[in-house]
Amino acid sequence: MAKSDAALDTVAGLLRLLGEHAFDTEDMKANETRMRADAWARHLLLGTPHPERGNEPASERERDFVGARRWAESLRRSELNYVRKALSEFRQVIWSVVQNFHRAVGVEGEEDRRVAVQINRLRTAIESNSIEMLKREATSVAASLSTLVAQREQRRSIQFEELGTELKSMHKRLEDARKSSETCALTGLHNRRALDSYIDRVVEFDGLTGVPVLLMMVDVDNFKLINDNHGHPTGDEVLRLLAREMLRLFLRKCDFVARYGGEEFAIVVRDMEFKHASALAERARERVSMVRLPELPQLSISVSIGVSELRTGDNAASWLMRADAALLRAKKSGKNCVVLAA
């Protein structure tokens, strides 16, 4: 491949990556961003019509690299502004809680002074970017305040009851923020960040204890054609249906189903011998082949699957690499099949 072709592939890949990880902002919905990113990528790679100027005569088309860069810069600025605003509003909520702490807690003895110290620690946590630190310090303050409420006079009880309600609300926001950061908004599955963390824990624990573990990489066949022929909303619906089927098939508490990225899924199956891997993966492949969209019953859906087992001495990278290699062989073998890592 020529360097220019490799550069074009890299630029187009980066544009599609921007679209893949897009989220709703005040300026644009995530789905619209994905479609626009894909349009820019096809424009640069294939010379398709300009995403913003419409259908130009083929003789007048030129690949607009500057326009693509400006669009990408504009997207990142919009997302940055959105995140900054959301973070600022979140900190304001917590700061409101801290101010209520000060109103509810006076300087009346050693117990109050201990709570004041914890409030100062919570204020430090507010200024940090660590959700875990915020959660820990908020929980610590909550425990101290619960003890203090029991010792305070009746005239202060109403204030502390209101404070407890506000603190529970903040704790829920923190927990929701943590879950949101580890969940794929489209499918409801775990996302790549949660998968990486889980695989690290599995390698560390099961790699030492010798518990058999399988890693399955599942890729939707011809997904680009589905998007091109039927539109991105149809592609999104396919991903949602496949996610639902994977959860129905891998329903044990020790099974971990995640969206690895794009049209690819990853499934970690603990306490499962490698000799059963082929039958298990074939069952998943056949389950997918029966999935139909109500509005497009003629659309056939299939997946290619690569499977690898966790071996002694493996790290997360080597385990994933073997599963990816097996998936690639499945793709090259004609798709709609299962390949086990050698």
C-alpha atoms as a PDB file:
ATOM      1  CA  MET A   1       0.000   0.000   0.000  1.00  0.00           C
ATOM      2  CA  ALA A   2       1.370   3.435  -0.953  1.00  0.00           C
ATOM      3  CA  LYS A   3       2.070   5.894   1.816  1.00  0.00           C
ATOM      4  CA  SER A   4      -0.616   8.228   0.490  1.00  0.00           C
ATOM      5  CA  ASP A   5      -3.185   5.414   0.586  1.00  0.00           C
ATOM      6  CA  ALA A   6      -2.147   4.484   4.110  1.00  0.00           C
ATOM      7  CA  ALA A   7      -2.465   8.113   5.164  1.00  0.00           C
ATOM      8  CA  LEU A   8      -5.950   8.346   3.634  1.00  0.00           C
ATOM      9  CA  ASP A   9      -6.990   5.144   5.435  1.00  0.00           C
ATOM     10  CA  THR A  10      -5.650   6.520   8.707  1.00  0.00           C
ATOM     11  CA  VAL A  11      -7.473   9.852   8.324  1.00  0.00           C
ATOM     12  CA  ALA A  12     -10.732   8.115   7.388  1.00  0.00           C
ATOM     13  CA  GLY A  13     -10.320   5.727  10.301  1.00  0.00           C
ATOM     14  CA  LEU A  14      -9.848   8.615  12.703  1.00  0.00           C
ATOM     15  CA  LEU A  15     -12.965  10.332  11.367  1.00  0.00           C
ATOM     16  CA  ARG A  16     -15.026   7.169  11.813  1.00  0.00           C
ATOM     17  CA  LEU A  17     -13.588   6.765  15.315  1.00  0.00           C
ATOM     18  CA  LEU A  18     -14.835  10.270  16.145  1.00  0.00           C
ATOM     19  CA  GLY A  19     -18.292   9.262  14.989  1.00  0.00           C
ATOM     20  CA  GLU A  20     -18.232   5.905  16.750  1.00  0.00           C
ATOM     21  CA  HIS A  21     -17.588   7.473  20.155  1.00  0.00           C
ATOM     22  CA  ALA A  22     -19.809  10.515  19.643  1.00  0.00           C
ATOM     23  CA  PHE A  23     -22.428  11.489  22.186  1.00  0.00           C
ATOM     24  CA  ASP A  24     -25.363  13.867  22.221  1.00  0.00           C
ATOM     25  CA  THR A  25     -24.462  17.540  22.668  1.00  0.00           C
ATOM     26  CA  GLU A  26     -26.459  20.739  22.477  1.00  0.00           C
ATOM     27  CA  ASP A  27     -25.294  21.199  18.879  1.00  0.00           C
ATOM     28  CA  MET A  28     -25.778  17.735  17.400  1.00  0.00           C
ATOM     29  CA  LYS A  29     -27.171  14.294  18.221  1.00  0.00           C
ATOM     30  CA  ALA A  30     -24.743  11.351  18.378  1.00  0.00           C
ATOM     31  CA  ASN A  31     -26.397   9.531  15.461  1.00  0.00           C
ATOM     32  CA  GLU A  32     -26.130  12.609  13.236  1.00  0.00           C
ATOM     33  CA  THR A  33     -22.461  12.959  14.179  1.00  0.00           C
ATOM     34  CA  ARG A  34     -21.808   9.322  13.225  1.00  0.00           C
ATOM     35  CA  MET A  35     -23.449   9.804   9.835  1.00  0.00           C
ATOM     36  CA  ARG A  36     -21.519  13.017   9.176  1.00  0.00           C
ATOM     37  CA  ALA A  37     -18.189  11.425  10.199  1.00  0.00           C
ATOM     38  CA  ASP A  38     -18.852   8.484   7.866  1.00  0.00           C
ATOM     39  CA  ALA A  39     -19.755  10.876   5.031  1.00  0.00           C
ATOM     40  CA  TRP A  40     -16.460  12.764   5.487  1.00  0.00           C
ATOM     41  CA  ALA A  41     -14.512   9.502   5.585  1.00  0.00           C
ATOM     42  CA  ARG A  42     -16.119   8.288   2.329  1.00  0.00           C
ATOM     43  CA  HIS A  43     -15.571  11.687   0.752  1.00  0.00           C
ATOM     44  CA  LEU A  44     -11.824  11.565   1.471  1.00  0.00           C
ATOM     45  CA  LEU A  45     -11.393   7.885   0.573  1.00  0.00           C
ATOM     46  CA  LEU A  46     -13.722   7.503  -2.408  1.00  0.00           C
ATOM     47  CA  GLY A  47     -14.333  11.049  -3.594  1.00  0.00           C
ATOM     48  CA  THR A  48     -18.057  10.887  -2.831  1.00  0.00           C
ATOM     49  CA  PRO A  49     -20.022  14.180  -2.799  1.00  0.00           C
ATOM     50  CA  HIS A  50     -18.960  16.829  -0.299  1.00  0.00           C
ATOM     51  CA  PRO A  51     -20.834  16.285   3.022  1.00  0.00           C
ATOM     52  CA  GLU A  52     -21.726  19.978   3.290  1.00  0.00           C
ATOM     53  CA  ARG A  53     -22.009  21.193  -0.307  1.00  0.00           C
ATOM     54  CA  GLY A  54     -24.313  18.460  -1.586  1.00  0.00           C
ATOM     55  CA  ASN A  55     -24.177  16.739  -4.965  1.00  0.00           C
ATOM     56  CA  GLU A  56     -21.522  18.343  -7.126  1.00  0.00           C
ATOM     57  CA  PRO A  57     -20.703  17.170 -10.642  1.00  0.00           C
ATOM     58  CA  ALA A  58     -18.063  14.452 -10.520  1.00  0.00           C
ATOM     59  CA  SER A  59     -15.761  16.586 -12.683  1.00  0.00           C
ATOM     60  CA  GLU A  60     -15.773  19.373 -10.091  1.00  0.00           C
ATOM     61  CA  ARG A  61     -15.220  17.270  -6.988  1.00  0.00           C
ATOM     62  CA  GLU A  62     -12.064  17.662  -4.976  1.00  0.00           C
ATOM     63  CA  ARG A  63     -11.277  15.991  -1.685  1.00  0.00           C
ATOM     64  CA  ASP A  64     -11.674  18.698   0.949  1.00  0.00           C
ATOM     65  CA  PHE A  65      -9.069  17.778   3.601  1.00  0.00           C
ATOM     66  CA  VAL A  66      -9.169  21.258   5.111  1.00  0.00           C
ATOM     67  CA  GLY A  67     -12.951  21.106   5.449  1.00  0.00           C
ATOM     68  CA  ALA A  68     -12.734  17.673   7.125  1.00  0.00           C
ATOM     69  CA  ARG A  69     -10.184  18.996   9.593  1.00  0.00           C
ATOM     70  CA  ARG A  70     -12.318  22.039  10.378  1.00  0.00           C
ATOM     71  CA  TRP A  71     -15.367  19.849  10.919  1.00  0.00           C
ATOM     72  CA  ALA A  72     -13.413  17.552  13.268  1.00  0.00           C
ATOM     73  CA  GLU A  73     -12.070  20.570  15.183  1.00  0.00           C
ATOM     74  CA  SER A  74     -15.570  22.023  15.478  1.00  0.00           C
ATOM     75  CA  LEU A  75     -16.900  18.681  16.756  1.00  0.00           C
ATOM     76  CA  ARG A  76     -14.234  18.376  19.428  1.00  0.00           C
ATOM     77  CA  ARG A  77     -14.805  21.975  20.564  1.00  0.00           C
ATOM     78  CA  SER A  78     -18.536  21.327  20.838  1.00  0.00           C
ATOM     79  CA  GLU A  79     -18.008  18.132  22.845  1.00  0.00           C
ATOM     80  CA  LEU A  80     -15.408  19.804  25.072  1.00  0.00           C
ATOM     81  CA  ASN A  81     -17.771  22.689  25.845  1.00  0.00           C
ATOM     82  CA  TYR A  82     -20.566  20.235  26.601  1.00  0.00           C
ATOM     83  CA  VAL A  83     -18.403  18.173  28.992  1.00  0.00           C
ATOM     84  CA  ARG A  84     -17.090  21.288  30.726  1.00  0.00           C
ATOM     85  CA  LYS A  85     -20.617  22.604  31.224  1.00  0.00           C
ATOM     86  CA  ALA A  86     -21.874  19.255  32.561  1.00  0.00           C
ATOM     87  CA  LEU A  87     -18.922  18.977  34.947  1.00  0.00           C
ATOM     88  CA  SER A  88     -19.441  22.530  36.152  1.00  0.00           C
ATOM     89  CA  GLU A  89     -23.140  21.878  36.849  1.00  0.00           C
ATOM     90  CA  PHE A  90     -22.275  18.655  38.662  1.00  0.00           C
ATOM     91  CA  ARG A  91     -19.770  20.424  40.902  1.00  0.00           C
ATOM     92  CA  GLN A  92     -22.327  23.150  41.646  1.00  0.00           C
ATOM     93  CA  VAL A  93     -24.736  20.496  42.902  1.00  0.00           C
ATOM     94  CA  ILE A  94     -22.088  19.050  45.200  1.00  0.00           C
ATOM     95  CA  TRP A  95     -21.085  22.518  46.377  1.00  0.00           C
ATOM     96  CA  SER A  96     -24.713  23.156  47.307  1.00  0.00           C
ATOM     97  CA  VAL A  97     -24.588  20.019  49.470  1.00  0.00           C
ATOM     98  CA  VAL A  98     -21.398  21.246  51.162  1.00  0.00           C
ATOM     99  CA  GLN A  99     -23.024  24.584  51.955  1.00  0.00           C
ATOM    100  CA  ASN A 100     -25.959  22.763  53.545  1.00  0.00           C
ATOM    101  CA  PHE A 101     -23.436  20.814  55.618  1.00  0.00           C
ATOM    102  CA  HIS A 102     -22.110  24.083  57.008  1.00  0.00           C
ATOM    103  CA  ARG A 103     -25.592  25.320  57.839  1.00  0.00           C
ATOM    104  CA  ALA A 104     -26.519  22.062  59.548  1.00  0.00           C
ATOM    105  CA  VAL A 105     -23.265  21.511  61.433  1.00  0.00           C
ATOM    106  CA  GLY A 106     -22.176  24.114  63.993  1.00  0.00           C
ATOM    107  CA  VAL A 107     -18.979  24.172  66.054  1.00  0.00           C
ATOM    108  CA  GLU A 108     -20.439  22.507  69.133  1.00  0.00           C
ATOM    109  CA  GLY A 109     -17.865  20.146  70.545  1.00  0.00           C
ATOM    110  CA  GLU A 110     -15.334  17.631  69.303  1.00  0.00           C
ATOM    111  CA  GLU A 111     -17.823  15.612  67.229  1.00  0.00           C
ATOM    112  CA  ASP A 112     -18.778  18.671  65.185  1.00  0.00           C
ATOM    113  CA  ARG A 113     -15.125  19.505  64.591  1.00  0.00           C
ATOM    114  CA  ARG A 114     -14.495  15.991  63.231  1.00  0.00           C
ATOM    115  CA  VAL A 115     -17.358  16.440  60.776  1.00  0.00           C
ATOM    116  CA  ALA A 116     -15.945  19.823  59.761  1.00  0.00           C
ATOM    117  CA  VAL A 117     -12.622  18.141  58.938  1.00  0.00           C
ATOM    118  CA  GLN A 118     -14.424  15.609  56.764  1.00  0.00           C
ATOM    119  CA  ILE A 119     -16.316  18.391  55.015  1.00  0.00           C
ATOM    120  CA  ASN A 120     -12.988  20.017  54.155  1.00  0.00           C
ATOM    121  CA  ARG A 121     -11.835  16.706  52.696  1.00  0.00           C
ATOM    122  CA  LEU A 122     -15.044  16.554  50.672  1.00  0.00           C
ATOM    123  CA  ARG A 123     -14.388  20.081  49.400  1.00  0.00           C
ATOM    124  CA  THR A 124     -10.952  18.898  48.215  1.00  0.00           C
ATOM    125  CA  ALA A 125     -12.601  15.945  46.484  1.00  0.00           C
ATOM    126  CA  ILE A 126     -14.984  18.331  44.680  1.00  0.00           C
ATOM    127  CA  GLU A 127     -11.998  20.109  43.148  1.00  0.00           C
ATOM    128  CA  SER A 128     -10.526  16.830  41.904  1.00  0.00           C
ATOM    129  CA  ASN A 129     -11.585  14.794  38.840  1.00  0.00           C
ATOM    130  CA  SER A 130     -11.939  11.513  40.754  1.00  0.00           C
ATOM    131  CA  ILE A 131     -15.483  10.162  41.040  1.00  0.00           C
ATOM    132  CA  GLU A 132     -14.265   7.418  43.380  1.00  0.00           C
ATOM    133  CA  MET A 133     -12.735  10.022  45.708  1.00  0.00           C
ATOM    134  CA  LEU A 134     -15.981  12.017  45.699  1.00  0.00           C
ATOM    135  CA  LYS A 135     -17.996   8.900  46.443  1.00  0.00           C
ATOM    136  CA  ARG A 136     -15.672   7.824  49.287  1.00  0.00           C
ATOM    137  CA  GLU A 137     -15.607  11.226  50.985  1.00  0.00           C
ATOM    138  CA  ALA A 138     -19.352  11.749  50.571  1.00  0.00           C
ATOM    139  CA  THR A 139     -20.021   8.335  52.139  1.00  0.00           C
ATOM    140  CA  SER A 140     -17.648   9.168  55.019  1.00  0.00           C
ATOM    141  CA  VAL A 141     -19.460  12.443  55.680  1.00  0.00           C
ATOM    142  CA  ALA A 142     -22.810  10.644  55.510  1.00  0.00           C
ATOM    143  CA  ALA A 143     -21.749   8.135  58.196  1.00  0.00           C
ATOM    144  CA  SER A 144     -20.507  10.889  60.519  1.00  0.00           C
ATOM    145  CA  LEU A 145     -23.635  12.941  60.023  1.00  0.00           C
ATOM    146  CA  SER A 146     -25.848   9.954  60.802  1.00  0.00           C
ATOM    147  CA  THR A 147     -24.109   9.585  64.170  1.00  0.00           C
ATOM    148  CA  LEU A 148     -24.350  13.315  64.808  1.00  0.00           C
ATOM    149  CA  VAL A 149     -28.060  13.417  63.977  1.00  0.00           C
ATOM    150  CA  ALA A 150     -28.711  10.804  66.692  1.00  0.00           C
ATOM    151  CA  GLN A 151     -26.932  13.005  69.276  1.00  0.00           C
ATOM    152  CA  ARG A 152     -28.380  16.370  68.308  1.00  0.00           C
ATOM    153  CA  GLU A 153     -31.367  18.032  69.875  1.00  0.00           C
ATOM    154  CA  GLN A 154     -34.809  17.700  68.381  1.00  0.00           C
ATOM    155  CA  ARG A 155     -34.676  21.218  66.935  1.00  0.00           C
ATOM    156  CA  ARG A 156     -31.917  20.155  64.535  1.00  0.00           C
ATOM    157  CA  SER A 157     -33.506  16.891  63.357  1.00  0.00           C
ATOM    158  CA  ILE A 158     -35.457  18.399  60.438  1.00  0.00           C
ATOM    159  CA  GLN A 159     -32.304  19.998  59.006  1.00  0.00           C
ATOM    160  CA  PHE A 160     -30.428  16.716  59.084  1.00  0.00           C
ATOM    161  CA  GLU A 161     -33.279  14.775  57.533  1.00  0.00           C
ATOM    162  CA  GLU A 162     -33.262  17.183  54.605  1.00  0.00           C
ATOM    163  CA  LEU A 163     -29.499  16.890  54.413  1.00  0.00           C
ATOM    164  CA  GLY A 164     -29.700  13.094  54.342  1.00  0.00           C
ATOM    165  CA  THR A 165     -32.116  13.230  51.415  1.00  0.00           C
ATOM    166  CA  GLU A 166     -29.823  15.588  49.530  1.00  0.00           C
ATOM    167  CA  LEU A 167     -26.795  13.404  50.242  1.00  0.00           C
ATOM    168  CA  LYS A 168     -28.549  10.273  48.975  1.00  0.00           C
ATOM    169  CA  SER A 169     -29.417  12.129  45.799  1.00  0.00           C
ATOM    170  CA  MET A 170     -25.779  13.110  45.335  1.00  0.00           C
ATOM    171  CA  HIS A 171     -24.639   9.519  45.975  1.00  0.00           C
ATOM    172  CA  LYS A 172     -27.059   8.298  43.311  1.00  0.00           C
ATOM    173  CA  ARG A 173     -25.717  10.873  40.847  1.00  0.00           C
ATOM    174  CA  LEU A 174     -22.187   9.660  41.520  1.00  0.00           C
ATOM    175  CA  GLU A 175     -23.177   6.015  41.046  1.00  0.00           C
ATOM    176  CA  ASP A 176     -25.123   6.845  37.881  1.00  0.00           C
ATOM    177  CA  ALA A 177     -22.109   8.746  36.535  1.00  0.00           C
ATOM    178  CA  ARG A 178     -19.858   5.739  37.170  1.00  0.00           C
ATOM    179  CA  LYS A 179     -22.269   3.308  35.485  1.00  0.00           C
ATOM    180  CA  SER A 180     -22.773   5.665  32.554  1.00  0.00           C
ATOM    181  CA  SER A 181     -19.021   5.850  31.967  1.00  0.00           C
ATOM    182  CA  GLU A 182     -18.863   2.026  31.661  1.00  0.00           C
ATOM    183  CA  THR A 183     -22.008   1.413  29.562  1.00  0.00           C
ATOM    184  CA  CYS A 184     -22.598   1.563  25.803  1.00  0.00           C
ATOM    185  CA  ALA A 185     -25.463   3.997  25.301  1.00  0.00           C
ATOM    186  CA  LEU A 186     -26.685   2.267  22.119  1.00  0.00           C
ATOM    187  CA  THR A 187     -26.827  -1.375  23.274  1.00  0.00           C
ATOM    188  CA  GLY A 188     -26.877  -1.123  27.063  1.00  0.00           C
ATOM    189  CA  LEU A 189     -23.918  -3.539  27.227  1.00  0.00           C
ATOM    190  CA  HIS A 190     -20.636  -2.925  28.995  1.00  0.00           C
ATOM    191  CA  ASN A 191     -18.343  -0.716  26.895  1.00  0.00           C
ATOM    192  CA  ARG A 192     -14.656  -1.078  25.968  1.00  0.00           C
ATOM    193  CA  ARG A 193     -13.503   0.680  29.127  1.00  0.00           C
ATOM    194  CA  ALA A 194     -15.422  -1.751  31.363  1.00  0.00           C
ATOM    195  CA  LEU A 195     -14.207  -4.722  29.282  1.00  0.00           C
ATOM    196  CA  ASP A 196     -10.541  -3.740  29.604  1.00  0.00           C
ATOM    197  CA  SER A 197     -10.911  -3.409  33.368  1.00  0.00           C
ATOM    198  CA  TYR A 198     -12.709  -6.754  33.647  1.00  0.00           C
ATOM    199  CA  ILE A 199     -10.157  -8.610  31.505  1.00  0.00           C
ATOM    200  CA  ASP A 200      -7.332  -7.242  33.653  1.00  0.00           C
ATOM    201  CA  ARG A 201      -9.050  -8.618  36.772  1.00  0.00           C
ATOM    202  CA  VAL A 202      -9.766 -11.996  35.140  1.00  0.00           C
ATOM    203  CA  VAL A 203      -6.150 -12.381  33.981  1.00  0.00           C
ATOM    204  CA  GLU A 204      -4.871 -11.436  37.437  1.00  0.00           C
ATOM    205  CA  PHE A 205      -7.199 -13.763  39.352  1.00  0.00           C
ATOM    206  CA  ASP A 206      -8.077 -16.686  37.074  1.00  0.00           C
ATOM    207  CA  GLY A 207      -4.599 -16.720  35.558  1.00  0.00           C
ATOM    208  CA  LEU A 208      -3.263 -17.594  39.025  1.00  0.00           C
ATOM    209  CA  THR A 209      -6.010 -19.994  40.139  1.00  0.00           C
ATOM    210  CA  GLY A 210      -6.226 -21.880  36.855  1.00  0.00           C
ATOM    211  CA  VAL A 211      -9.980 -21.417  36.361  1.00  0.00           C
ATOM    212  CA  PRO A 212     -10.712 -22.029  32.635  1.00  0.00           C
ATOM    213  CA  VAL A 213     -11.847 -18.863  30.836  1.00  0.00           C
ATOM    214  CA  LEU A 214     -12.826 -18.219  27.206  1.00  0.00           C
ATOM    215  CA  LEU A 215     -12.749 -14.953  25.269  1.00  0.00           C
ATOM    216  CA  MET A 216     -15.055 -14.718  22.249  1.00  0.00           C
ATOM    217  CA  MET A 217     -14.750 -11.911  19.696  1.00  0.00           C
ATOM    218  CA  VAL A 218     -17.951 -11.553  17.653  1.00  0.00           C
ATOM    219  CA  ASP A 219     -18.075  -9.383  14.516  1.00  0.00           C
ATOM    220  CA  VAL A 220     -21.193  -8.632  12.440  1.00  0.00           C
ATOM    221  CA  ASP A 221     -20.615  -9.677   8.824  1.00  0.00           C
ATOM    222  CA  ASN A 222     -21.063  -7.077   6.072  1.00  0.00           C
ATOM    223  CA  PHE A 223     -22.187  -4.441   8.557  1.00  0.00           C
ATOM    224  CA  LYS A 224     -21.063  -1.596   6.311  1.00  0.00           C
ATOM    225  CA  LEU A 225     -23.395  -2.857   3.569  1.00  0.00           C
ATOM    226  CA  ILE A 226     -26.284  -2.842   6.045  1.00  0.00           C
ATOM    227  CA  ASN A 227     -25.547   0.799   6.871  1.00  0.00           C
ATOM    228  CA  ASP A 228     -25.032   1.767   3.227  1.00  0.00           C
ATOM    229  CA  ASN A 229     -28.123  -0.049   1.896  1.00  0.00           C
ATOM    230  CA  HIS A 230     -30.582   0.485   4.733  1.00  0.00           C
ATOM    231  CA  GLY A 231     -29.238   3.449   6.715  1.00  0.00           C
ATOM    232  CA  HIS A 232     -27.502   3.875  10.052  1.00  0.00           C
ATOM    233  CA  PRO A 233     -30.721   3.633  12.114  1.00  0.00           C
ATOM    234  CA  THR A 234     -31.170   0.103  10.748  1.00  0.00           C
ATOM    235  CA  GLY A 235     -27.553  -0.677  11.591  1.00  0.00           C
ATOM    236  CA  ASP A 236     -28.110   0.589  15.130  1.00  0.00           C
ATOM    237  CA  GLU A 237     -31.197  -1.610  15.461  1.00  0.00           C
ATOM    238  CA  VAL A 238     -29.188  -4.649  14.317  1.00  0.00           C
ATOM    239  CA  LEU A 239     -26.613  -3.971  17.045  1.00  0.00           C
ATOM    240  CA  ARG A 240     -29.336  -3.608  19.669  1.00  0.00           C
ATOM    241  CA  LEU A 241     -30.982  -6.894  18.623  1.00  0.00           C
ATOM    242  CA  LEU A 242     -27.669  -8.777  18.648  1.00  0.00           C
ATOM    243  CA  ALA A 243     -26.842  -7.349  22.086  1.00  0.00           C
ATOM    244  CA  ARG A 244     -30.199  -8.634  23.358  1.00  0.00           C
ATOM    245  CA  GLU A 245     -29.558 -12.101  21.922  1.00  0.00           C
ATOM    246  CA  MET A 246     -26.067 -12.278  23.455  1.00  0.00           C
ATOM    247  CA  LEU A 247     -27.470 -11.393  26.877  1.00  0.00           C
ATOM    248  CA  ARG A 248     -30.135 -14.091  26.517  1.00  0.00           C
ATOM    249  CA  LEU A 249     -27.537 -16.703  25.599  1.00  0.00           C
ATOM    250  CA  PHE A 250     -24.811 -15.713  28.076  1.00  0.00           C
ATOM    251  CA  LEU A 251     -26.948 -15.120  31.137  1.00  0.00           C
ATOM    252  CA  ARG A 252     -24.801 -16.508  33.968  1.00  0.00           C
ATOM    253  CA  LYS A 253     -23.560 -14.003  36.528  1.00  0.00           C
ATOM    254  CA  CYS A 254     -19.974 -14.880  35.612  1.00  0.00           C
ATOM    255  CA  ASP A 255     -20.553 -14.192  31.868  1.00  0.00           C
ATOM    256  CA  PHE A 256     -19.457 -10.729  30.710  1.00  0.00           C
ATOM    257  CA  VAL A 257     -20.874  -9.324  27.453  1.00  0.00           C
ATOM    258  CA  ALA A 258     -19.495  -6.044  26.059  1.00  0.00           C
ATOM    259  CA  ARG A 259     -19.530  -3.960  22.902  1.00  0.00           C
ATOM    260  CA  TYR A 260     -15.881  -3.922  21.877  1.00  0.00           C
ATOM    261  CA  GLY A 261     -16.355  -1.169  19.300  1.00  0.00           C
ATOM    262  CA  GLY A 262     -18.275  -0.542  16.087  1.00  0.00           C
ATOM    263  CA  GLU A 263     -20.006  -3.786  15.083  1.00  0.00           C
ATOM    264  CA  GLU A 264     -17.775  -5.989  17.256  1.00  0.00           C
ATOM    265  CA  PHE A 265     -18.699  -7.619  20.572  1.00  0.00           C
ATOM    266  CA  ALA A 266     -16.559  -9.363  23.185  1.00  0.00           C
ATOM    267  CA  ILE A 267     -17.744 -12.065  25.580  1.00  0.00           C
ATOM    268  CA  VAL A 268     -15.784 -13.423  28.536  1.00  0.00           C
ATOM    269  CA  VAL A 269     -17.027 -16.851  29.653  1.00  0.00           C
ATOM    270  CA  ARG A 270     -15.549 -18.001  32.963  1.00  0.00           C
ATOM    271  CA  ASP A 271     -15.435 -21.570  34.250  1.00  0.00           C
ATOM    272  CA  MET A 272     -15.723 -23.022  30.723  1.00  0.00           C
ATOM    273  CA  GLU A 273     -13.278 -25.584  29.269  1.00  0.00           C
ATOM    274  CA  PHE A 274     -11.785 -24.886  25.830  1.00  0.00           C
ATOM    275  CA  LYS A 275     -13.118 -28.203  24.533  1.00  0.00           C
ATOM    276  CA  HIS A 276     -16.629 -26.755  24.813  1.00  0.00           C
ATOM    277  CA  ALA A 277     -15.708 -23.500  23.050  1.00  0.00           C
ATOM    278  CA  SER A 278     -16.680 -24.587  19.531  1.00  0.00           C
ATOM    279  CA  ALA A 279     -20.160 -25.782  20.501  1.00  0.00           C
ATOM    280  CA  LEU A 280     -20.811 -22.666  22.573  1.00  0.00           C
ATOM    281  CA  ALA A 281     -19.680 -20.298  19.821  1.00  0.00           C
ATOM    282  CA  GLU A 282     -21.659 -22.208  17.169  1.00  0.00           C
ATOM    283  CA  ARG A 283     -24.764 -21.871  19.311  1.00  0.00           C
ATOM    284  CA  ALA A 284     -24.211 -18.097  19.426  1.00  0.00           C
ATOM    285  CA  ARG A 285     -23.650 -17.952  15.651  1.00  0.00           C
ATOM    286  CA  GLU A 286     -26.835 -19.934  14.954  1.00  0.00           C
ATOM    287  CA  ARG A 287     -28.795 -17.784  17.418  1.00  0.00           C
ATOM    288  CA  VAL A 288     -27.770 -14.666  15.514  1.00  0.00           C
ATOM    289  CA  SER A 289     -28.683 -16.198  12.149  1.00  0.00           C
ATOM    290  CA  MET A 290     -32.299 -16.428  13.331  1.00  0.00           C
ATOM    291  CA  VAL A 291     -32.531 -12.735  14.245  1.00  0.00           C
ATOM    292  CA  ARG A 292     -34.845 -10.745  11.971  1.00  0.00           C
ATOM    293  CA  LEU A 293     -35.848  -7.097  11.890  1.00  0.00           C
ATOM    294  CA  PRO A 294     -39.673  -6.776  11.844  1.00  0.00           C
ATOM    295  CA  GLU A 295     -39.503  -4.023   9.227  1.00  0.00           C
ATOM    296  CA  LEU A 296     -36.899  -5.904   7.088  1.00  0.00           C
ATOM    297  CA  PRO A 297     -37.626  -9.635   7.464  1.00  0.00           C
ATOM    298  CA  GLN A 298     -35.649 -10.379   4.301  1.00  0.00           C
ATOM    299  CA  LEU A 299     -32.426  -9.001   5.811  1.00  0.00           C
ATOM    300  CA  SER A 300     -30.119 -11.860   6.762  1.00  0.00           C
ATOM    301  CA  ILE A 301     -27.691 -11.272   9.633  1.00  0.00           C
ATOM    302  CA  SER A 302     -24.622 -13.343  10.400  1.00  0.00           C
ATOM    303  CA  VAL A 303     -21.495 -13.101  12.549  1.00  0.00           C
ATOM    304  CA  SER A 304     -17.940 -14.359  12.507  1.00  0.00           C
ATOM    305  CA  ILE A 305     -16.503 -15.528  15.832  1.00  0.00           C
ATOM    306  CA  GLY A 306     -12.951 -16.007  17.084  1.00  0.00           C
ATOM    307  CA  VAL A 307     -12.308 -17.768  20.402  1.00  0.00           C
ATOM    308  CA  SER A 308      -9.207 -18.026  22.581  1.00  0.00           C
ATOM    309  CA  GLU A 309      -8.617 -19.517  26.020  1.00  0.00           C
ATOM    310  CA  LEU A 310      -6.714 -17.874  28.866  1.00  0.00           C
ATOM    311  CA  ARG A 311      -3.315 -19.528  29.136  1.00  0.00           C
ATOM    312  CA  THR A 312      -0.708 -19.561  31.867  1.00  0.00           C
ATOM    313  CA  GLY A 313       1.527 -16.527  31.454  1.00  0.00           C
ATOM    314  CA  ASP A 314      -1.035 -14.587  29.429  1.00  0.00           C
ATOM    315  CA  ASN A 315      -1.598 -10.894  29.886  1.00  0.00           C
ATOM    316  CA  ALA A 316      -4.635  -8.998  28.627  1.00  0.00           C
ATOM    317  CA  ALA A 317      -2.906  -7.984  25.374  1.00  0.00           C
ATOM    318  CA  SER A 318      -1.758 -11.480  24.406  1.00  0.00           C
ATOM    319  CA  TRP A 319      -5.153 -13.003  25.199  1.00  0.00           C
ATOM    320  CA  LEU A 320      -6.984 -10.398  23.125  1.00  0.00           C
ATOM    321  CA  MET A 321      -4.463 -10.742  20.295  1.00  0.00           C
ATOM    322  CA  ARG A 322      -5.131 -14.466  19.883  1.00  0.00           C
ATOM    323  CA  ALA A 323      -8.894 -13.935  19.889  1.00  0.00           C
ATOM    324  CA  ASP A 324      -8.544 -11.147  17.294  1.00  0.00           C
ATOM    325  CA  ALA A 325      -6.326 -13.366  15.137  1.00  0.00           C
ATOM    326  CA  ALA A 326      -8.913 -16.157  15.272  1.00  0.00           C
ATOM    327  CA  LEU A 327     -11.654 -13.673  14.314  1.00  0.00           C
ATOM    328  CA  LEU A 328      -9.576 -12.473  11.365  1.00  0.00           C
ATOM    329  CA  ARG A 329      -9.177 -16.062  10.148  1.00  0.00           C
ATOM    330  CA  ALA A 330     -12.939 -16.512  10.412  1.00  0.00           C
ATOM    331  CA  LYS A 331     -13.427 -13.423   8.248  1.00  0.00           C
ATOM    332  CA  LYS A 332     -10.930 -14.640   5.673  1.00  0.00           C
ATOM    333  CA  SER A 333     -12.533 -18.109   5.666  1.00  0.00           C
ATOM    334  CA  GLY A 334     -15.759 -16.763   4.207  1.00  0.00           C
ATOM    335  CA  LYS A 335     -17.417 -15.260   7.303  1.00  0.00           C
ATOM    336  CA  ASN A 336     -20.400 -16.690   9.189  1.00  0.00           C
ATOM    337  CA  CYS A 337     -18.210 -19.227  10.931  1.00  0.00           C
ATOM    338  CA  VAL A 338     -16.299 -19.973  14.154  1.00  0.00           C
ATOM    339  CA  VAL A 339     -12.507 -20.241  14.429  1.00  0.00           C
ATOM    340  CA  LEU A 340     -10.667 -21.320  17.581  1.00  0.00           C
ATOM    341  CA  ALA A 341      -7.266 -19.830  18.354  1.00  0.00           C
ATOM    342  CA  ALA A 342      -4.453 -22.267  17.669  1.00  0.00           C
END
